[in-house]
Amino acid sequence: MYGFVLRRVAQAIVAILGVTTLVFFVQRLTGDPTLLLLPETATQADVDAMRHTLGLDRPMIAQYASYLWDILHLDFGRSYTQFVPVGQLIIPRIPYTLALTGCALVIALGIGVPVGIVLALYRDHKATSVLMGIVIAAQSMPTFWSGILFMLIFAVTLEWLPASGAAGFESIILPSVALGLLSMATFARVTRMAVIDELSKHYVRTAKAKGISTFRLITHHLLRNASIPIITVAALEISNLLAGAVIVETVFAWPGLGLLTIQSIVSRDFMVVQSIVLIAAFITVFLSLFADLLYAAVDPRIRLETST
């Protein structure tokens, strides 16, 4: 068990280092941020002075080594455009993104899993064909398009909910539904396939022969045994929700990390973008490790061997 955890932690460190390296160099292919920070009338001397102030006149390898060293000391540098520590820009945005992704995940699981169970138990019923069509349509709907559609219907036409901002609980409803819609459809399809697979096994037929009710069969047997693929998808979907938050936060002007990411990319604020990607990489790798460890707790048939 300890060997497995240590091996996964080592893999996590390598993955985070790889993501950090990739983002560091790709960001610098977008151009020189000093050209955006200075007025058009700036002279070459002004450009050189700004580059020296930002440390961009050093060799690329030296900049990268310095950046890694600062990260080890939890120093994420200073914003190129706002000239304040990156932490002051990121930390206030984190609760907004966590609240948005958390609500979206609750919506996705709370609707997707029950819908998947219904689709599996009544797969031969005509009504489930319509429900399956809705699930497929939801899974094919781009997040930005569903967000704009919800905004037009519920905010502009019906005026039930605010169209943008973060003024209160009502403001999070539309963006969280738009963000969770795609994951909801994914959970529904995965749950349906997992439950159908479990329904074909001998213990289900035995339980039915003993007269166990459908509700007890689902809650005490089917869900527990079908939870492994759901857990796997949940770990991946949380990462997808964090990625999708970039689009949703931009559409609804939600003041989270996603909106900050877009603003920083446009202004070529390298330090902010690198720090946000690093945080996202940490979350993704941690969730993957947590899902692996949760398998054994949910299904005792699974054993974590140090040889794998």
Protein backbone atom coordinates (compact mmCIF):
# COMPACT_ATOMS: atom_id res chain seq x y z
CA MET A 1 0.00 0.00 0.00
CA TYR A 2 2.75 2.47 0.98
CA GLY A 3 4.76 1.52 -2.08
CA PHE A 4 1.73 2.18 -4.27
CA VAL A 5 1.16 5.62 -2.72
CA LEU A 6 4.84 6.58 -3.03
CA ARG A 7 4.89 5.48 -6.66
CA ARG A 8 1.78 7.52 -7.45
CA VAL A 9 3.17 10.56 -5.64
CA ALA A 10 6.35 10.29 -7.71
CA GLN A 11 4.27 10.04 -10.89
CA ALA A 12 2.28 13.07 -9.75
CA ILE A 13 5.44 15.13 -9.29
CA VAL A 14 6.64 14.19 -12.78
CA ALA A 15 3.24 15.07 -14.28
CA ILE A 16 3.12 18.45 -12.55
CA LEU A 17 6.68 19.21 -13.62
CA GLY A 18 5.80 18.30 -17.21
CA VAL A 19 2.72 20.53 -17.23
CA THR A 20 4.65 23.42 -15.69
CA THR A 21 7.43 23.10 -18.25
CA LEU A 22 5.03 22.92 -21.17
CA VAL A 23 3.03 25.97 -20.08
CA PHE A 24 6.18 27.97 -19.29
CA PHE A 25 7.59 27.63 -22.80
CA VAL A 26 4.31 27.68 -24.75
CA GLN A 27 3.24 30.90 -23.05
CA ARG A 28 6.40 32.62 -24.23
CA LEU A 29 5.63 31.72 -27.83
CA THR A 30 2.67 34.13 -27.76
CA GLY A 31 4.91 37.19 -27.84
CA ASP A 32 6.65 39.76 -25.69
CA PRO A 33 4.38 41.15 -22.90
CA THR A 34 6.43 44.36 -22.71
CA LEU A 35 4.90 45.46 -26.02
CA LEU A 36 1.47 45.44 -24.34
CA LEU A 37 2.63 47.18 -21.19
CA LEU A 38 4.28 50.15 -22.87
CA PRO A 39 2.66 52.85 -25.00
CA GLU A 40 3.18 52.92 -28.73
CA THR A 41 5.50 55.90 -28.34
CA ALA A 42 7.94 53.91 -26.19
CA THR A 43 11.50 53.81 -27.40
CA GLN A 44 13.72 50.76 -27.66
CA ALA A 45 15.45 51.91 -24.49
CA ASP A 46 12.09 51.84 -22.68
CA VAL A 47 11.41 48.33 -23.99
CA ASP A 48 14.84 47.10 -22.86
CA ALA A 49 14.37 48.66 -19.43
CA MET A 50 10.97 47.00 -19.00
CA ARG A 51 12.33 43.64 -20.12
CA HIS A 52 15.13 43.97 -17.58
CA THR A 53 12.65 44.88 -14.84
CA LEU A 54 10.54 41.80 -15.61
CA GLY A 55 13.58 39.55 -15.95
CA LEU A 56 12.78 38.73 -19.56
CA ASP A 57 16.23 39.71 -20.82
CA ARG A 58 17.79 36.64 -19.21
CA PRO A 59 18.24 33.33 -21.09
CA MET A 60 15.08 31.20 -21.22
CA ILE A 61 16.68 28.38 -19.24
CA ALA A 62 17.71 30.82 -16.52
CA GLN A 63 14.15 32.14 -16.33
CA TYR A 64 12.78 28.61 -16.08
CA ALA A 65 15.25 27.55 -13.38
CA SER A 66 14.44 30.69 -11.40
CA TYR A 67 10.72 30.01 -11.74
CA LEU A 68 11.06 26.43 -10.45
CA TRP A 69 13.19 27.61 -7.53
CA ASP A 70 10.57 30.19 -6.59
CA ILE A 71 7.79 27.58 -6.76
CA LEU A 72 9.68 25.36 -4.31
CA HIS A 73 9.60 28.32 -1.92
CA LEU A 74 5.86 28.90 -2.64
CA ASP A 75 6.71 32.14 -4.39
CA PHE A 76 4.67 32.41 -7.60
CA GLY A 77 6.18 35.72 -8.63
CA ARG A 78 4.54 39.04 -9.45
CA SER A 79 1.98 39.92 -12.06
CA TYR A 80 3.47 41.54 -15.16
CA THR A 81 0.45 43.79 -15.66
CA GLN A 82 -0.73 44.63 -12.12
CA PHE A 83 2.67 44.50 -10.39
CA VAL A 84 1.39 42.70 -7.30
CA PRO A 85 2.17 39.19 -6.00
CA VAL A 86 0.32 36.54 -7.99
CA GLY A 87 -1.17 35.12 -4.81
CA GLN A 88 -3.09 38.36 -4.22
CA LEU A 89 -4.81 37.88 -7.58
CA ILE A 90 -5.45 34.13 -7.37
CA ILE A 91 -6.46 33.49 -3.76
CA PRO A 92 -9.61 35.72 -3.79
CA ARG A 93 -10.77 33.95 -6.99
CA ILE A 94 -10.40 30.37 -5.73
CA PRO A 95 -13.61 30.28 -3.60
CA TYR A 96 -15.70 31.39 -6.61
CA THR A 97 -14.32 28.64 -8.85
CA LEU A 98 -14.64 25.98 -6.13
CA ALA A 99 -18.25 27.02 -5.47
CA LEU A 100 -19.08 26.90 -9.17
CA THR A 101 -17.47 23.51 -9.83
CA GLY A 102 -18.89 22.10 -6.59
CA CYS A 103 -22.46 23.09 -7.49
CA ALA A 104 -21.97 21.79 -11.03
CA LEU A 105 -20.72 18.44 -9.68
CA VAL A 106 -23.68 18.13 -7.30
CA ILE A 107 -26.07 18.81 -10.18
CA ALA A 108 -24.26 16.36 -12.46
CA LEU A 109 -24.22 13.53 -9.90
CA GLY A 110 -27.63 14.28 -8.40
CA ILE A 111 -29.35 14.08 -11.78
CA GLY A 112 -27.00 11.94 -13.88
CA VAL A 113 -26.75 8.89 -11.58
CA PRO A 114 -30.53 8.49 -10.96
CA VAL A 115 -31.22 9.02 -14.67
CA GLY A 116 -28.63 6.36 -15.52
CA ILE A 117 -30.25 3.90 -13.10
CA VAL A 118 -33.68 4.53 -14.64
CA LEU A 119 -32.28 4.07 -18.15
CA ALA A 120 -30.76 0.74 -17.11
CA LEU A 121 -33.72 -0.67 -15.19
CA TYR A 122 -36.31 0.31 -17.81
CA ARG A 123 -34.16 0.15 -20.94
CA ASP A 124 -36.89 -1.66 -22.90
CA HIS A 125 -39.54 0.96 -22.13
CA LYS A 126 -40.45 3.44 -24.86
CA ALA A 127 -40.23 6.43 -22.52
CA THR A 128 -36.55 5.70 -21.81
CA SER A 129 -35.78 6.11 -25.50
CA VAL A 130 -36.91 9.72 -25.24
CA LEU A 131 -34.91 10.18 -22.04
CA MET A 132 -31.83 8.68 -23.68
CA GLY A 133 -32.25 11.09 -26.57
CA ILE A 134 -32.26 14.00 -24.12
CA VAL A 135 -29.08 12.66 -22.49
CA ILE A 136 -27.31 12.36 -25.85
CA ALA A 137 -28.43 15.87 -26.81
CA ALA A 138 -27.11 17.25 -23.50
CA GLN A 139 -23.77 15.52 -24.03
CA SER A 140 -23.42 16.99 -27.54
CA MET A 141 -24.20 20.55 -26.47
CA PRO A 142 -21.11 22.80 -26.19
CA THR A 143 -20.77 24.47 -22.79
CA PHE A 144 -20.53 28.00 -24.15
CA TRP A 145 -23.65 27.46 -26.29
CA SER A 146 -25.74 26.05 -23.44
CA GLY A 147 -24.60 28.93 -21.23
CA ILE A 148 -25.70 31.53 -23.77
CA LEU A 149 -28.98 29.64 -24.35
CA PHE A 150 -29.79 29.52 -20.62
CA MET A 151 -28.91 33.18 -20.31
CA LEU A 152 -31.26 34.15 -23.15
CA ILE A 153 -34.15 32.06 -21.79
CA PHE A 154 -33.97 32.47 -18.02
CA ALA A 155 -32.22 35.83 -17.67
CA VAL A 156 -33.18 37.89 -20.71
CA THR A 157 -36.61 36.50 -21.69
CA LEU A 158 -38.11 35.25 -18.43
CA GLU A 159 -36.00 37.49 -16.14
CA TRP A 160 -35.96 34.82 -13.45
CA LEU A 161 -32.23 34.82 -12.79
CA PRO A 162 -29.34 37.29 -13.18
CA ALA A 163 -27.37 37.04 -16.41
CA SER A 164 -23.91 37.66 -14.99
CA GLY A 165 -21.90 38.53 -11.93
CA ALA A 166 -21.79 37.01 -8.46
CA ALA A 167 -24.33 39.01 -6.47
CA GLY A 168 -25.74 36.05 -4.51
CA PHE A 169 -26.95 32.46 -4.64
CA GLU A 170 -29.21 33.15 -7.61
CA SER A 171 -26.19 34.20 -9.66
CA ILE A 172 -24.58 30.75 -9.43
CA ILE A 173 -27.60 28.77 -10.68
CA LEU A 174 -27.27 29.39 -14.42
CA PRO A 175 -23.48 28.98 -14.68
CA SER A 176 -23.47 25.83 -12.53
CA VAL A 177 -26.26 24.22 -14.58
CA ALA A 178 -24.52 25.15 -17.84
CA LEU A 179 -21.22 23.76 -16.52
CA GLY A 180 -22.72 20.58 -15.06
CA LEU A 181 -24.93 19.70 -18.03
CA LEU A 182 -22.23 17.88 -20.00
CA SER A 183 -20.99 15.98 -16.94
CA MET A 184 -24.57 15.07 -16.03
CA ALA A 185 -25.00 13.36 -19.39
CA THR A 186 -21.67 11.57 -18.96
CA PHE A 187 -22.63 10.26 -15.51
CA ALA A 188 -26.00 9.10 -16.85
CA ARG A 189 -24.43 7.07 -19.67
CA VAL A 190 -21.68 5.59 -17.49
CA THR A 191 -24.14 4.68 -14.72
CA ARG A 192 -26.47 3.09 -17.26
CA MET A 193 -23.72 0.89 -18.70
CA ALA A 194 -22.41 -0.06 -15.24
CA VAL A 195 -25.86 -1.00 -13.90
CA ILE A 196 -26.74 -2.98 -17.04
CA ASP A 197 -23.51 -4.92 -16.59
CA GLU A 198 -24.35 -5.66 -12.96
CA LEU A 199 -27.92 -6.71 -13.80
CA SER A 200 -26.58 -9.60 -15.87
CA LYS A 201 -24.68 -11.12 -12.94
CA HIS A 202 -25.77 -14.07 -10.85
CA TYR A 203 -26.10 -12.27 -7.51
CA VAL A 204 -28.81 -10.01 -8.97
CA ARG A 205 -30.89 -12.96 -10.12
CA THR A 206 -30.39 -14.60 -6.71
CA ALA A 207 -31.46 -11.44 -4.91
CA LYS A 208 -34.59 -11.15 -7.05
CA ALA A 209 -35.40 -14.80 -6.40
CA LYS A 210 -35.24 -14.10 -2.66
CA GLY A 211 -37.82 -11.34 -3.09
CA ILE A 212 -35.54 -8.34 -2.39
CA SER A 213 -37.23 -5.09 -3.37
CA THR A 214 -35.92 -3.07 -6.30
CA PHE A 215 -35.00 -0.15 -4.03
CA ARG A 216 -32.97 -2.36 -1.69
CA LEU A 217 -31.35 -4.12 -4.64
CA ILE A 218 -30.23 -0.77 -6.03
CA THR A 219 -29.02 0.83 -2.78
CA HIS A 220 -27.38 -2.23 -1.18
CA HIS A 221 -25.98 -4.09 -4.16
CA LEU A 222 -26.08 -2.48 -7.60
CA LEU A 223 -24.76 0.98 -6.74
CA ARG A 224 -21.88 -0.31 -4.64
CA ASN A 225 -20.73 -2.76 -7.28
CA ALA A 226 -21.31 -0.30 -10.15
CA SER A 227 -19.56 2.58 -8.38
CA ILE A 228 -16.03 1.86 -9.67
CA PRO A 229 -16.58 3.33 -13.18
CA ILE A 230 -18.60 6.17 -11.63
CA ILE A 231 -15.69 7.04 -9.31
CA THR A 232 -13.27 6.91 -12.23
CA VAL A 233 -15.44 9.22 -14.29
CA ALA A 234 -16.03 11.54 -11.31
CA ALA A 235 -12.28 12.10 -10.89
CA LEU A 236 -11.97 12.92 -14.59
CA GLU A 237 -15.11 15.04 -14.68
CA ILE A 238 -13.95 17.28 -11.84
CA SER A 239 -10.91 18.09 -13.96
CA ASN A 240 -13.19 18.70 -16.94
CA LEU A 241 -15.36 20.97 -14.81
CA LEU A 242 -12.33 23.03 -13.83
CA ALA A 243 -11.39 23.30 -17.50
CA GLY A 244 -14.96 24.12 -18.52
CA ALA A 245 -15.10 26.80 -15.82
CA VAL A 246 -12.82 28.91 -18.01
CA ILE A 247 -15.55 29.13 -20.65
CA VAL A 248 -18.53 29.38 -18.30
CA GLU A 249 -16.94 32.05 -16.12
CA THR A 250 -16.19 34.10 -19.22
CA VAL A 251 -19.76 33.79 -20.52
CA PHE A 252 -21.37 34.69 -17.18
CA ALA A 253 -18.64 37.11 -15.98
CA TRP A 254 -18.18 34.90 -12.92
CA PRO A 255 -15.14 36.24 -10.99
CA GLY A 256 -13.24 32.97 -10.65
CA LEU A 257 -9.94 31.55 -11.83
CA GLY A 258 -11.33 30.83 -15.31
CA LEU A 259 -12.09 34.47 -16.03
CA LEU A 260 -8.73 35.47 -14.57
CA THR A 261 -7.04 32.95 -16.86
CA ILE A 262 -8.59 34.45 -20.00
CA GLN A 263 -7.72 37.98 -18.89
CA SER A 264 -4.14 36.95 -18.14
CA ILE A 265 -3.71 35.15 -21.47
CA VAL A 266 -4.95 38.19 -23.38
CA SER A 267 -2.55 40.48 -21.49
CA ARG A 268 0.29 37.88 -21.67
CA ASP A 269 0.63 37.87 -17.90
CA PHE A 270 2.83 34.76 -17.87
CA MET A 271 3.22 34.44 -14.11
CA VAL A 272 -0.53 34.38 -13.41
CA VAL A 273 -1.27 31.83 -16.17
CA GLN A 274 1.54 29.55 -15.04
CA SER A 275 0.36 29.65 -11.43
CA ILE A 276 -3.27 28.88 -12.33
CA VAL A 277 -2.24 25.94 -14.53
CA LEU A 278 -0.01 24.66 -11.74
CA ILE A 279 -2.93 24.77 -9.28
CA ALA A 280 -5.16 22.95 -11.78
CA ALA A 281 -2.45 20.30 -12.29
CA PHE A 282 -2.17 19.77 -8.53
CA ILE A 283 -5.94 19.32 -8.24
CA THR A 284 -6.13 16.93 -11.20
CA VAL A 285 -3.28 14.73 -9.99
CA PHE A 286 -4.61 14.69 -6.43
CA LEU A 287 -8.07 13.65 -7.61
CA SER A 288 -6.59 10.86 -9.71
CA LEU A 289 -4.63 9.55 -6.71
CA PHE A 290 -7.66 9.89 -4.42
CA ALA A 291 -9.82 7.93 -6.87
CA ASP A 292 -7.27 5.10 -6.98
CA LEU A 293 -7.25 4.86 -3.18
CA LEU A 294 -11.04 5.05 -3.00
CA TYR A 295 -11.44 1.98 -5.21
CA ALA A 296 -10.22 -0.32 -2.44
CA ALA A 297 -12.53 1.28 0.12
CA VAL A 298 -15.60 0.89 -2.09
CA ASP A 299 -14.86 -2.55 -3.54
CA PRO A 300 -12.90 -4.94 -1.26
CA ARG A 301 -12.20 -7.19 -4.25
CA ILE A 302 -9.69 -4.64 -5.45
CA ARG A 303 -6.22 -4.85 -3.99
CA LEU A 304 -3.58 -2.21 -4.45
CA GLU A 305 -0.38 -4.09 -5.20
CA THR A 306 3.01 -2.44 -5.22
CA SER A 307 3.85 -4.30 -8.42
CA THR A 308 1.23 -2.32 -10.40
